[in-house]
């Protein structure tokens, strides 16, 4: 393990530990108030077009990633030029 990898691991560990300590220090407890507001969950499910757009974007990004990993297909022109 080189020095840069060790530094990255130490920084990530420090950030995670700091986040846990801040969360414990704030002592934020969630109390069930009985209201069935839903907040973000209700809003997100009422706007399905946003969900659909995100899913289409993720599928497109995945297809581009797979296309980038696959080897480039040679053209027939290249094959013909090689034997002449």
PDB file of N, CA and C in Angstrom:
ATOM      1  N   UNK A   1       0.856  -1.165   0.000  1.00  0.00           N
ATOM      2  CA  UNK A   1       0.000   0.000   0.000  1.00  0.00           C
ATOM      3  C   UNK A   1       0.905   1.233   0.000  1.00  0.00           C
ATOM      4  N   UNK A   2       0.682   2.091  -0.984  1.00  0.00           N
ATOM      5  CA  UNK A   2       1.533   3.270  -1.042  1.00  0.00           C
ATOM      6  C   UNK A   2       0.972   4.395  -0.174  1.00  0.00           C
ATOM      7  N   UNK A   3       1.686   5.473  -0.156  1.00  0.00           N
ATOM      8  CA  UNK A   3       1.375   6.577   0.749  1.00  0.00           C
ATOM      9  C   UNK A   3       0.046   7.261   0.398  1.00  0.00           C
ATOM     10  N   UNK A   4      -0.240   7.411  -0.894  1.00  0.00           N
ATOM     11  CA  UNK A   4      -1.478   8.071  -1.305  1.00  0.00           C
ATOM     12  C   UNK A   4      -2.709   7.263  -0.909  1.00  0.00           C
ATOM     13  N   UNK A   5      -2.646   5.954  -1.074  1.00  0.00           N
ATOM     14  CA  UNK A   5      -3.772   5.108  -0.689  1.00  0.00           C
ATOM     15  C   UNK A   5      -4.008   5.169   0.816  1.00  0.00           C
ATOM     16  N   UNK A   6      -2.939   5.167   1.573  1.00  0.00           N
ATOM     17  CA  UNK A   6      -3.059   5.258   3.025  1.00  0.00           C
ATOM     18  C   UNK A   6      -3.676   6.594   3.431  1.00  0.00           C
ATOM     19  N   UNK A   7      -3.276   7.666   2.759  1.00  0.00           N
ATOM     20  CA  UNK A   7      -3.823   8.988   3.055  1.00  0.00           C
ATOM     21  C   UNK A   7      -5.322   9.034   2.752  1.00  0.00           C
ATOM     22  N   UNK A   8      -5.740   8.452   1.648  1.00  0.00           N
ATOM     23  CA  UNK A   8      -7.158   8.428   1.289  1.00  0.00           C
ATOM     24  C   UNK A   8      -7.953   7.645   2.324  1.00  0.00           C
ATOM     25  N   UNK A   9      -7.430   6.512   2.758  1.00  0.00           N
ATOM     26  CA  UNK A   9      -8.126   5.700   3.757  1.00  0.00           C
ATOM     27  C   UNK A   9      -8.245   6.452   5.077  1.00  0.00           C
ATOM     28  N   UNK A  10      -7.200   7.138   5.474  1.00  0.00           N
ATOM     29  CA  UNK A  10      -7.224   7.893   6.731  1.00  0.00           C
ATOM     30  C   UNK A  10      -8.232   9.039   6.647  1.00  0.00           C
ATOM     31  N   UNK A  11      -8.267   9.747   5.520  1.00  0.00           N
ATOM     32  CA  UNK A  11      -9.194  10.869   5.366  1.00  0.00           C
ATOM     33  C   UNK A  11     -10.644  10.376   5.378  1.00  0.00           C
ATOM     34  N   UNK A  12     -10.925   9.295   4.672  1.00  0.00           N
ATOM     35  CA  UNK A  12     -12.287   8.760   4.643  1.00  0.00           C
ATOM     36  C   UNK A  12     -12.708   8.287   6.029  1.00  0.00           C
ATOM     37  N   UNK A  13     -11.813   7.614   6.728  1.00  0.00           N
ATOM     38  CA  UNK A  13     -12.116   7.152   8.083  1.00  0.00           C
ATOM     39  C   UNK A  13     -12.368   8.332   9.015  1.00  0.00           C
ATOM     40  N   UNK A  14     -11.565   9.379   8.892  1.00  0.00           N
ATOM     41  CA  UNK A  14     -11.744  10.563   9.734  1.00  0.00           C
ATOM     42  C   UNK A  14     -13.082  11.242   9.444  1.00  0.00           C
ATOM     43  N   UNK A  15     -13.457  11.346   8.169  1.00  0.00           N
ATOM     44  CA  UNK A  15     -14.737  11.965   7.827  1.00  0.00           C
ATOM     45  C   UNK A  15     -15.917  11.150   8.346  1.00  0.00           C
ATOM     46  N   UNK A  16     -15.846   9.839   8.207  1.00  0.00           N
ATOM     47  CA  UNK A  16     -16.928   8.994   8.708  1.00  0.00           C
ATOM     48  C   UNK A  16     -17.036   9.067  10.227  1.00  0.00           C
ATOM     49  N   UNK A  17     -15.896   9.024  10.895  1.00  0.00           N
ATOM     50  CA  UNK A  17     -15.896   9.119  12.356  1.00  0.00           C
ATOM     51  C   UNK A  17     -16.431  10.473  12.805  1.00  0.00           C
ATOM     52  N   UNK A  18     -16.014  11.533  12.132  1.00  0.00           N
ATOM     53  CA  UNK A  18     -16.512  12.872  12.455  1.00  0.00           C
ATOM     54  C   UNK A  18     -18.011  12.978  12.259  1.00  0.00           C
ATOM     55  N   UNK A  19     -18.522  12.387  11.193  1.00  0.00           N
ATOM     56  CA  UNK A  19     -19.961  12.412  10.949  1.00  0.00           C
ATOM     57  C   UNK A  19     -20.744  11.686  12.020  1.00  0.00           C
ATOM     58  N   UNK A  20     -20.227  10.546  12.452  1.00  0.00           N
ATOM     59  CA  UNK A  20     -20.898   9.793  13.517  1.00  0.00           C
ATOM     60  C   UNK A  20     -20.883  10.591  14.816  1.00  0.00           C
ATOM     61  N   UNK A  21     -19.757  11.218  15.128  1.00  0.00           N
ATOM     62  CA  UNK A  21     -19.669  12.002  16.363  1.00  0.00           C
ATOM     63  C   UNK A  21     -20.583  13.219  16.327  1.00  0.00           C
ATOM     64  N   UNK A  22     -20.677  13.885  15.190  1.00  0.00           N
ATOM     65  CA  UNK A  22     -21.566  15.045  15.073  1.00  0.00           C
ATOM     66  C   UNK A  22     -23.019  14.600  15.209  1.00  0.00           C
ATOM     67  N   UNK A  23     -23.361  13.488  14.597  1.00  0.00           N
ATOM     68  CA  UNK A  23     -24.731  12.984  14.683  1.00  0.00           C
ATOM     69  C   UNK A  23     -25.088  12.629  16.115  1.00  0.00           C
ATOM     70  N   UNK A  24     -24.167  12.019  16.828  1.00  0.00           N
ATOM     71  CA  UNK A  24     -24.418  11.679  18.238  1.00  0.00           C
ATOM     72  C   UNK A  24     -24.478  12.932  19.098  1.00  0.00           C
ATOM     73  N   UNK A  25     -23.655  13.925  18.761  1.00  0.00           N
ATOM     74  CA  UNK A  25     -23.646  15.164  19.529  1.00  0.00           C
ATOM     75  C   UNK A  25     -24.924  15.963  19.359  1.00  0.00           C
ATOM     76  N   UNK A  26     -25.496  15.924  18.167  1.00  0.00           N
ATOM     77  CA  UNK A  26     -26.743  16.648  17.931  1.00  0.00           C
ATOM     78  C   UNK A  26     -27.921  15.963  18.598  1.00  0.00           C
ATOM     79  N   UNK A  27     -27.831  14.662  18.784  1.00  0.00           N
ATOM     80  CA  UNK A  27     -28.863  13.866  19.443  1.00  0.00           C
ATOM     81  C   UNK A  27     -30.240  14.140  18.848  1.00  0.00           C
ATOM     82  N   UNK A  28     -30.305  14.017  17.546  1.00  0.00           N
ATOM     83  CA  UNK A  28     -31.568  14.227  16.850  1.00  0.00           C
ATOM     84  C   UNK A  28     -32.351  12.928  16.897  1.00  0.00           C
ATOM     85  N   UNK A  29     -33.495  12.992  17.529  1.00  0.00           N
ATOM     86  CA  UNK A  29     -34.355  11.816  17.597  1.00  0.00           C
ATOM     87  C   UNK A  29     -35.594  12.088  16.761  1.00  0.00           C
ATOM     88  N   UNK A  30     -36.027  11.082  16.077  1.00  0.00           N
ATOM     89  CA  UNK A  30     -37.238  11.227  15.272  1.00  0.00           C
ATOM     90  C   UNK A  30     -38.405  10.689  16.074  1.00  0.00           C
ATOM     91  N   UNK A  31     -39.389  11.527  16.266  1.00  0.00           N
ATOM     92  CA  UNK A  31     -40.575  11.130  17.007  1.00  0.00           C
ATOM     93  C   UNK A  31     -41.729  10.995  16.028  1.00  0.00           C
ATOM     94  N   UNK A  32     -42.499   9.964  16.203  1.00  0.00           N
ATOM     95  CA  UNK A  32     -43.665   9.767  15.359  1.00  0.00           C
ATOM     96  C   UNK A  32     -44.778  10.667  15.863  1.00  0.00           C
ATOM     97  N   UNK A  33     -45.110  11.674  15.083  1.00  0.00           N
ATOM     98  CA  UNK A  33     -46.139  12.625  15.503  1.00  0.00           C
ATOM     99  C   UNK A  33     -47.533  12.171  15.107  1.00  0.00           C
ATOM    100  N   UNK A  34     -47.608  11.089  14.367  1.00  0.00           N
ATOM    101  CA  UNK A  34     -48.911  10.579  13.990  1.00  0.00           C
ATOM    102  C   UNK A  34     -49.422  11.143  12.676  1.00  0.00           C
ATOM    103  N   UNK A  35     -48.792  12.177  12.161  1.00  0.00           N
ATOM    104  CA  UNK A  35     -49.254  12.731  10.887  1.00  0.00           C
ATOM    105  C   UNK A  35     -48.721  11.883   9.743  1.00  0.00           C
ATOM    106  N   UNK A  36     -49.562  11.673   8.782  1.00  0.00           N
ATOM    107  CA  UNK A  36     -49.181  10.862   7.627  1.00  0.00           C
ATOM    108  C   UNK A  36     -48.862  11.792   6.458  1.00  0.00           C
ATOM    109  N   UNK A  37     -47.989  12.755   6.710  1.00  0.00           N
ATOM    110  CA  UNK A  37     -47.638  13.755   5.708  1.00  0.00           C
ATOM    111  C   UNK A  37     -46.878  13.124   4.550  1.00  0.00           C
ATOM    112  N   UNK A  38     -45.859  12.342   4.832  1.00  0.00           N
ATOM    113  CA  UNK A  38     -45.099  11.670   3.791  1.00  0.00           C
ATOM    114  C   UNK A  38     -43.925  12.479   3.299  1.00  0.00           C
ATOM    115  N   UNK A  39     -44.051  13.774   3.219  1.00  0.00           N
ATOM    116  CA  UNK A  39     -42.946  14.629   2.810  1.00  0.00           C
ATOM    117  C   UNK A  39     -42.430  14.305   1.428  1.00  0.00           C
ATOM    118  N   UNK A  40     -41.144  14.048   1.365  1.00  0.00           N
ATOM    119  CA  UNK A  40     -40.486  13.785   0.088  1.00  0.00           C
ATOM    120  C   UNK A  40     -41.050  12.549  -0.589  1.00  0.00           C
ATOM    121  N   UNK A  41     -41.330  11.526   0.187  1.00  0.00           N
ATOM    122  CA  UNK A  41     -41.827  10.273  -0.387  1.00  0.00           C
ATOM    123  C   UNK A  41     -43.145  10.497  -1.133  1.00  0.00           C
ATOM    124  N   UNK A  42     -44.055  11.230  -0.522  1.00  0.00           N
ATOM    125  CA  UNK A  42     -45.343  11.495  -1.170  1.00  0.00           C
ATOM    126  C   UNK A  42     -45.155  12.369  -2.402  1.00  0.00           C
ATOM    127  N   UNK A  43     -44.295  13.364  -2.306  1.00  0.00           N
ATOM    128  CA  UNK A  43     -44.045  14.241  -3.454  1.00  0.00           C
ATOM    129  C   UNK A  43     -43.425  13.465  -4.603  1.00  0.00           C
ATOM    130  N   UNK A  44     -42.439  12.617  -4.295  1.00  0.00           N
ATOM    131  CA  UNK A  44     -41.728  11.880  -5.340  1.00  0.00           C
ATOM    132  C   UNK A  44     -42.656  10.908  -6.056  1.00  0.00           C
ATOM    133  N   UNK A  45     -43.527  10.247  -5.312  1.00  0.00           N
ATOM    134  CA  UNK A  45     -44.437   9.293  -5.942  1.00  0.00           C
ATOM    135  C   UNK A  45     -45.544   9.982  -6.714  1.00  0.00           C
ATOM    136  N   UNK A  46     -45.827  11.244  -6.407  1.00  0.00           N
ATOM    137  CA  UNK A  46     -46.847  11.949  -7.178  1.00  0.00           C
ATOM    138  C   UNK A  46     -46.297  12.472  -8.498  1.00  0.00           C
ATOM    139  N   UNK A  47     -44.998  12.649  -8.610  1.00  0.00           N
ATOM    140  CA  UNK A  47     -44.360  13.105  -9.845  1.00  0.00           C
ATOM    141  C   UNK A  47     -43.573  11.954 -10.461  1.00  0.00           C
ATOM    142  N   UNK A  48     -44.266  11.066 -11.131  1.00  0.00           N
ATOM    143  CA  UNK A  48     -43.628   9.876 -11.705  1.00  0.00           C
ATOM    144  C   UNK A  48     -42.777  10.212 -12.920  1.00  0.00           C
ATOM    145  N   UNK A  49     -43.003  11.361 -13.556  1.00  0.00           N
ATOM    146  CA  UNK A  49     -42.200  11.709 -14.731  1.00  0.00           C
ATOM    147  C   UNK A  49     -40.745  11.924 -14.338  1.00  0.00           C
ATOM    148  N   UNK A  50     -40.511  12.478 -13.166  1.00  0.00           N
ATOM    149  CA  UNK A  50     -39.140  12.662 -12.691  1.00  0.00           C
ATOM    150  C   UNK A  50     -38.473  11.309 -12.489  1.00  0.00           C
ATOM    151  N   UNK A  51     -39.194  10.376 -11.897  1.00  0.00           N
ATOM    152  CA  UNK A  51     -38.667   9.029 -11.684  1.00  0.00           C
ATOM    153  C   UNK A  51     -38.358   8.359 -13.017  1.00  0.00           C
ATOM    154  N   UNK A  52     -39.255   8.499 -13.969  1.00  0.00           N
ATOM    155  CA  UNK A  52     -39.057   7.895 -15.287  1.00  0.00           C
ATOM    156  C   UNK A  52     -37.848   8.505 -15.996  1.00  0.00           C
ATOM    157  N   UNK A  53     -37.679   9.819 -15.904  1.00  0.00           N
ATOM    158  CA  UNK A  53     -36.539  10.479 -16.542  1.00  0.00           C
ATOM    159  C   UNK A  53     -35.225  10.011 -15.930  1.00  0.00           C
ATOM    160  N   UNK A  54     -35.194   9.829 -14.624  1.00  0.00           N
ATOM    161  CA  UNK A  54     -33.978   9.345 -13.965  1.00  0.00           C
ATOM    162  C   UNK A  54     -33.673   7.922 -14.405  1.00  0.00           C
ATOM    163  N   UNK A  55     -34.678   7.083 -14.501  1.00  0.00           N
ATOM    164  CA  UNK A  55     -34.459   5.700 -14.930  1.00  0.00           C
ATOM    165  C   UNK A  55     -33.963   5.631 -16.368  1.00  0.00           C
ATOM    166  N   UNK A  56     -34.525   6.437 -17.256  1.00  0.00           N
ATOM    167  CA  UNK A  56     -34.074   6.458 -18.647  1.00  0.00           C
ATOM    168  C   UNK A  56     -32.633   6.942 -18.724  1.00  0.00           C
ATOM    169  N   UNK A  57     -32.300   7.955 -17.946  1.00  0.00           N
ATOM    170  CA  UNK A  57     -30.925   8.452 -17.923  1.00  0.00           C
ATOM    171  C   UNK A  57     -29.942   7.407 -17.433  1.00  0.00           C
ATOM    172  N   UNK A  58     -30.314   6.667 -16.402  1.00  0.00           N
ATOM    173  CA  UNK A  58     -29.436   5.619 -15.892  1.00  0.00           C
ATOM    174  C   UNK A  58     -29.260   4.488 -16.895  1.00  0.00           C
ATOM    175  N   UNK A  59     -30.333   4.116 -17.582  1.00  0.00           N
ATOM    176  CA  UNK A  59     -30.218   3.086 -18.617  1.00  0.00           C
ATOM    177  C   UNK A  59     -29.315   3.547 -19.755  1.00  0.00           C
ATOM    178  N   UNK A  60     -29.455   4.792 -20.166  1.00  0.00           N
ATOM    179  CA  UNK A  60     -28.624   5.331 -21.236  1.00  0.00           C
ATOM    180  C   UNK A  60     -27.157   5.373 -20.813  1.00  0.00           C
ATOM    181  N   UNK A  61     -26.902   5.792 -19.580  1.00  0.00           N
ATOM    182  CA  UNK A  61     -25.525   5.825 -19.083  1.00  0.00           C
ATOM    183  C   UNK A  61     -24.942   4.420 -19.005  1.00  0.00           C
ATOM    184  N   UNK A  62     -25.742   3.453 -18.600  1.00  0.00           N
ATOM    185  CA  UNK A  62     -25.271   2.073 -18.561  1.00  0.00           C
ATOM    186  C   UNK A  62     -24.956   1.535 -19.942  1.00  0.00           C
ATOM    187  N   UNK A  63     -25.801   1.864 -20.922  1.00  0.00           N
ATOM    188  CA  UNK A  63     -25.548   1.413 -22.293  1.00  0.00           C
ATOM    189  C   UNK A  63     -24.274   2.038 -22.841  1.00  0.00           C
ATOM    190  N   UNK A  64     -24.050   3.309 -22.547  1.00  0.00           N
ATOM    191  CA  UNK A  64     -22.813   3.954 -22.991  1.00  0.00           C
ATOM    192  C   UNK A  64     -21.598   3.328 -22.315  1.00  0.00           C
ATOM    193  N   UNK A  65     -21.737   2.968 -21.050  1.00  0.00           N
ATOM    194  CA  UNK A  65     -20.634   2.321 -20.345  1.00  0.00           C
ATOM    195  C   UNK A  65     -20.298   0.969 -20.931  1.00  0.00           C
ATOM    196  N   UNK A  66     -21.309   0.192 -21.265  1.00  0.00           N
ATOM    197  CA  UNK A  66     -21.070  -1.116 -21.878  1.00  0.00           C
ATOM    198  C   UNK A  66     -20.450  -0.943 -23.255  1.00  0.00           C
ATOM    199  N   UNK A  67     -20.925   0.031 -24.025  1.00  0.00           N
ATOM    200  CA  UNK A  67     -20.367   0.277 -25.357  1.00  0.00           C
ATOM    201  C   UNK A  67     -18.910   0.716 -25.275  1.00  0.00           C
ATOM    202  N   UNK A  68     -18.555   1.433 -24.229  1.00  0.00           N
ATOM    203  CA  UNK A  68     -17.171   1.881 -24.077  1.00  0.00           C
ATOM    204  C   UNK A  68     -16.254   0.727 -23.705  1.00  0.00           C
ATOM    205  N   UNK A  69     -16.774  -0.265 -23.005  1.00  0.00           N
ATOM    206  CA  UNK A  69     -15.955  -1.396 -22.569  1.00  0.00           C
ATOM    207  C   UNK A  69     -15.726  -2.393 -23.696  1.00  0.00           C
ATOM    208  N   UNK A  70     -16.717  -2.559 -24.574  1.00  0.00           N
ATOM    209  CA  UNK A  70     -16.600  -3.529 -25.656  1.00  0.00           C
ATOM    210  C   UNK A  70     -15.531  -3.095 -26.657  1.00  0.00           C
ATOM    211  N   UNK A  71     -14.847  -4.066 -27.286  1.00  0.00           N
ATOM    212  CA  UNK A  71     -13.819  -3.707 -28.269  1.00  0.00           C
ATOM    213  C   UNK A  71     -14.443  -3.097 -29.517  1.00  0.00           C
ATOM    214  N   UNK A  72     -13.660  -2.242 -30.168  1.00  0.00           N
ATOM    215  CA  UNK A  72     -14.117  -1.562 -31.374  1.00  0.00           C
ATOM    216  C   UNK A  72     -14.181  -2.552 -32.529  1.00  0.00           C
ATOM    217  N   UNK A  73     -15.281  -2.545 -33.264  1.00  0.00           N
ATOM    218  CA  UNK A  73     -15.446  -3.458 -34.391  1.00  0.00           C
ATOM    219  C   UNK A  73     -14.736  -2.881 -35.615  1.00  0.00           C
ATOM    220  N   UNK A  74     -13.956  -3.732 -36.283  1.00  0.00           N
ATOM    221  CA  UNK A  74     -13.220  -3.262 -37.459  1.00  0.00           C
ATOM    222  C   UNK A  74     -14.147  -3.177 -38.658  1.00  0.00           C
ATOM    223  N   UNK A  75     -13.867  -2.226 -39.532  1.00  0.00           N
ATOM    224  CA  UNK A  75     -14.647  -2.075 -40.759  1.00  0.00           C
ATOM    225  C   UNK A  75     -14.138  -3.033 -41.820  1.00  0.00           C
ATOM    226  N   UNK A  76     -15.002  -3.325 -42.801  1.00  0.00           N
ATOM    227  CA  UNK A  76     -14.591  -4.199 -43.895  1.00  0.00           C
ATOM    228  C   UNK A  76     -13.536  -3.526 -44.759  1.00  0.00           C
ATOM    229  N   UNK A  77     -13.567  -2.212 -44.827  1.00  0.00           N
ATOM    230  CA  UNK A  77     -12.569  -1.475 -45.604  1.00  0.00           C
ATOM    231  C   UNK A  77     -11.171  -1.742 -45.082  1.00  0.00           C
ATOM    232  N   UNK A  78     -11.026  -1.776 -43.777  1.00  0.00           N
ATOM    233  CA  UNK A  78      -9.720  -2.041 -43.181  1.00  0.00           C
ATOM    234  C   UNK A  78      -9.225  -3.430 -43.563  1.00  0.00           C
ATOM    235  N   UNK A  79     -10.125  -4.406 -43.593  1.00  0.00           N
ATOM    236  CA  UNK A  79      -9.736  -5.769 -43.949  1.00  0.00           C
ATOM    237  C   UNK A  79      -9.294  -5.861 -45.406  1.00  0.00           C
ATOM    238  N   UNK A  80      -9.983  -5.155 -46.289  1.00  0.00           N
ATOM    239  CA  UNK A  80      -9.637  -5.201 -47.707  1.00  0.00           C
ATOM    240  C   UNK A  80      -8.291  -4.539 -47.978  1.00  0.00           C
ATOM    241  N   UNK A  81      -7.999  -3.483 -47.263  1.00  0.00           N
ATOM    242  CA  UNK A  81      -6.746  -2.765 -47.493  1.00  0.00           C
ATOM    243  C   UNK A  81      -5.544  -3.562 -47.005  1.00  0.00           C
ATOM    244  N   UNK A  82      -5.733  -4.430 -46.065  1.00  0.00           N
ATOM    245  CA  UNK A  82      -4.609  -5.174 -45.504  1.00  0.00           C
ATOM    246  C   UNK A  82      -4.065  -6.231 -46.454  1.00  0.00           C
ATOM    247  N   UNK A  83      -4.880  -6.829 -47.279  1.00  0.00           N
ATOM    248  CA  UNK A  83      -4.381  -7.907 -48.124  1.00  0.00           C
ATOM    249  C   UNK A  83      -3.849  -7.404 -49.453  1.00  0.00           C
ATOM    250  N   UNK A  84      -4.051  -6.134 -49.799  1.00  0.00           N
ATOM    251  CA  UNK A  84      -3.533  -5.599 -51.064  1.00  0.00           C
ATOM    252  C   UNK A  84      -2.080  -5.280 -50.985  1.00  0.00           C
TER     253      UNK A  84
END
